Amino acid sequence: MNIKLRTCSCQRNKLSLWKKFSENLKNLLKSKIKPDVFEKFSQDFKKIDLFYTSPSLSFHLIEKNYKPVAKFKNQIDSYLALSHKPFSELKKEKKIKVIMVNRALFYIFLFYLVLEFNIDFSKIQTILKNSLDEVEAEILNNKGDLYFLPEKRAKPYLDKFPFIERFPFNFSHYFMLSSKNPFFNEIKTALFSIDKNIIRSLGFEEIEEINIWEKELIKFSSFIIRIFPQLIEKSTILETFLNVPFFGIAIYHNTYLYANPYFCKLLGYTLEELKKLAIWEIFYYEEDKEKIKKTVEKRLKGEYFFKSYLPITLKTKEGKKIDTFIFTGTIFYQNKHCGFIIGIDITELKKLQKFLNLLRETNQILIHCSFEEEIYKNILPIVWETLELKAAWINDKRGKILYCYPKDFKPSKNLIFTITGKKPYFQNINSYSLCVIPLIKNENTKAFLNLLSSEKDYFSQDILSLTIELQENLNFALKKLNLIEKDLTLGKLAEKMEELLIIADKKGKIKYINPAGEKILGLKKEKLLKKNCFKLLFIPEEIIKLEENTIRFVTYHKPDKVKVILELKISFIKLPSKTKVIIIGTDLTKKLEFEKERETLLYQDPLTGLLNRSGFIKRCSDFLNFFKNPFILILIDLYNFSYINRFYGYKVGNFCLQELAKKLQSVLKDKEFLGRTEGDEFCLFITDITKEAIYEWIKVLENILNEPISYKDKKISLEWNMGIVAFPQDGNTVDELWEKVNLALKSAKNEGPFTIEIYNPEIEEKIKKPLETELLIKKALEEDLFVFYYQPYFETETLKLAGLEALVRIKRNNELILPNEFIKILENSSYLLKFNFLCFERNIEKIKEWKIPISINISSQSFKSLDFFELLNHFKEILSQYPYFLELEITEHTLIENIEITKDIIKNIKSFKVKISLDDFGTGFSSLNYLKDFPIDTIKIDISFIKDLVKDTKTYFIVENLINLCRSLNIKVIAEGVETEDQFKLLKKLKCDYVQGYFLSKPLSEEEVKTLLKL
């Protein structure tokens, strides 16, 4: 027979021992057995004969006809409940957030706590998670009131929780055997005959039978698992219904027994106040109270029936009327017949209906009104009557009452508002509510329509759209009347307009010209009426014949020889008997002068007020066109300035640029100028300069650039590079000089920050190699030429493999190019982000495949990059599955560039469950200081210390004390560059945690790593 055995995922690391277990079982049964490890319970359980499972899965397997037949002796799974409060007090909370894994076992614990501490089940709010890792994450974020965890997983948090409840029953991992297996008894018997040496190798004493008590507990647990989630579900549905924000729900007998929050809020009573009222006292009208009394009597006698009241008016505690729809029924509650009420407030609905009626009636009035005053007089009575208002009136912008209804009502001063906005405005004033609607004419507020209700909160947000529609209707009517007024005043408008206006016939004879036309053309009306406007304004005959509206630009010379540039808009209006030509002319002369001024602004940087790149180059060209004096260009780049913007914000970054611009500008003389040629780049033009003076300028600029910029309480230091060219030595044109100064700057940037490069012909050759390297990097990314080698590091005491350090290479043809030939160029290139993604993707994949920690070297540029956290976030899910398998190595220099910011960066990085390692420790400055300042997991002692360890006593004591210090700080230590047995023995003596170097292993290819791992 063939038997399939599957073990719990907790046994993953013991799979080789379980293979021996299987072999022994196979020999006992004389059958073939195939063992494996399950990660999740899946639908293929039917194919498995024998499980070794956790308690939770055991409960599920019982329902699938599996039986618990055995367990390892003394193997116990114990569980804890963790809380910040005593469990006896926890039940007093309105809601109890229980955070647990969505597994059967944890429902049993919840059931136990509800019974043990007499907790109201309706208060339980279960927050289900997919894994124990997620529960632990919620503990760290303090998201719940109660957490369930296995005791082993709970140990790191025991100090965090003062109140801990250990569940009084313990479970174990069980051997679960399919009852349908025809060899059930044979397999069960064979389990008790397994070689005890194999059992001990698995960490247990022996296999024993499950006692009757455990079997019954498992069966009972299986029952709880079936019913408990249903109770949670029904409780949730009921709670949701009772808390629907627009349903008022109450239960009564002789008095009110229950009312949900909305019912209490609707009437303005507390539940305790409602309990003192007769059932019918909440109804407004006496005839309704009598009906309710009779209904209550029937229900309390046990009659079951339903009844609806559509609508019925309720009375609030303050005596206010509430229109509602009420549904009632008889229920059995607290061992007696009771009445059940569901109410919906329709007050706003009725109010909306009134406004809709008002809109219909006002539209009819507006159609027949011919004057503005007529609109005001006729609209007020309709508004007052339809909405049942206290009063309605119209006042002007100064607050003067123009019309009021009822006429004898006199609004007090506190009721008069002149708002600045153009939308309706609502406000409660004492026991009244007021709506103020601005009336707009010619896009300006003309007056205000005021609606006053004696009911507080009458004008709610629900009717806002209807008040806006009423406003729009009134404004449309005012606009229509305004058009009539415009027709009457059009002649006066033409007389006063600033543009030229000509009305002519199709032959060009002028019939009308306005005063502005006379002024623009420089001729009197009498002379103009005798002229042909088409000839006067150079309008071609083709335009006249086509009769199409068009725009033309013409240059007109006045009689006094003044030149005027006109924009002519020519329109043809076809009337029944003739065609009119309308010409509107705008004098563009001043506008074009303004445009010329605007063009100069195109050459200015808006942030600093300096010349921008275009303006700087133009001014250099202008200088060369008139002068041939020697000059130099100094191009300054702020190295990695995005770092400032990222951690201080763009506001601070802009401040730094402005301050630097001021400092640079302050040292310039006449004819010298400065430009901001890129976002983080400045260029200086220095004229009449000797070669010796160049070095004086460099010193001046170094002092400026190296001086920190003060912003509030911060001192911000800048990193920079500088490129310099000279005219005429390095070029005769601005384009040539600009190209060469950028080459000089690029060469400086390749050398790192604070580097200055004065152009010389060798520079082009000098940057040729970096350019070739950059092309190689591009090709490596495009053609997948990057490969990774892995140098292992080992536990010093046992020489057990502890992890791998990833080392990048470029494989070109059969040649391996080492990182010292390209890594510096890569870190300063635009390809860094793509490479980082490739590096993370490849090595995280290897973590998944090899299940071994891997460390990656991170450059300073990457560490400070805005994109770095997005990169980590991309792999967040995988990193959470393999917590702390990925280790990022950074250098001391990176760490101490800005301690405050670096702390923030490391904190954010560690949130992704990765480790931080400090590389080349001891080569930088202030090393011991920042060991206490940063949450570093590992330090790597630099090879320079290990090299002298054997022969130099001082080096030995330094390394010894460093290892002891790190041990006390809970920081692991890796000694890198271990190349001899003597070095290794000394490090072992000093109890260094890990060792790495050629004495132990060279960097290995992926295939060699697999061989090492025996994969």
Foldseek 3Di string as FASTA:
>chain_A
DEAEEEEEPVCVVVVVLVVVLQVLLCVLVVYHYDYYYDDDDDPCCVVHFKYQFDLQVLLVVVVVQWAFWKAFPPAWWWKKKFFQDALLCQLVDQAFEEEEAPTLVVLVVVVVSCVVNVHDPLRYDYDHDNDVLVLVVCVVVVPGGMYMDTPVVCVVCPVVGPYMDIPPDIDGGTIIGRPPPPCRVSSSVSQQVGDQVSVVVSPGRGMDTDDPVNRVVSNVSSVSSVCSVVVVVVSVVVVCVLPPQFKWKWKFQQFTDDTGPNVCVVQVHDSVVRRVDGPLQFFQDPVVSVVVVVVNVCQQVPDWDKDKDQWGWTAHPVRDIFIKIKIKTWDQDPNGIIMMIIIGTCLVVVLLVLLVVLVVVLLVQLVPDQDPVSSQVPSFVSLCVSNVAPWKFKFFQVQHTDDIPPRPDDDDPVQGDRDPDQAWDWDFDVQKIKIWHFADDPNDGGIIIMTIHSHGCSDDPVCRVSSVVVNVSRNVSNHVSVVVVCVVCVVVCQQPDQWWKFKDFLQQQTPDIHPNNCVVQVHDPVVNNPDRVCVQFVPDVVCSVVQAWDWDWGWHAHPVRDIWIKIWTWHWDDDPPGIMIIIIIDTCPVVVVVVVVVVVVVQADVLQRFGEQVVVLVLVQVCLVVDQFKKKKKKKFFPLLVLCCVQVNVVVSSVVVNVLLVLVVVPDDPPKGKYHHDPGMIMIIGTPDDPVVVVVVVVSVCVSQQAFDDDPPDTHHIWMEMFMEMPPVQHSGSVSNVVQSVLQRVLQVLVPTPGYGYGDPCSVVVCVLLVVLVVLVVCCLVVVQKFWWWFWKAFLQPRHTQATETAIWGCDPNDTHHCVSRVSSCLSDPCVVVVVLVVCVVVLVVCVVLVHAYEYEDELSLLSDPCNLVSLVVCLVSCSVNAASYEYEYEPCSCVPPVVVSQVSQVSVCVSRYAYEYECPPPDPPRVVCVVVHPHAEYEHHLVLLVCCPPDPVSVVVVLVVQVVCVVVNHAYEYEANDDPSSSVSCVVSSHGMYTHVNSNDTHGPVVVCVVSVD
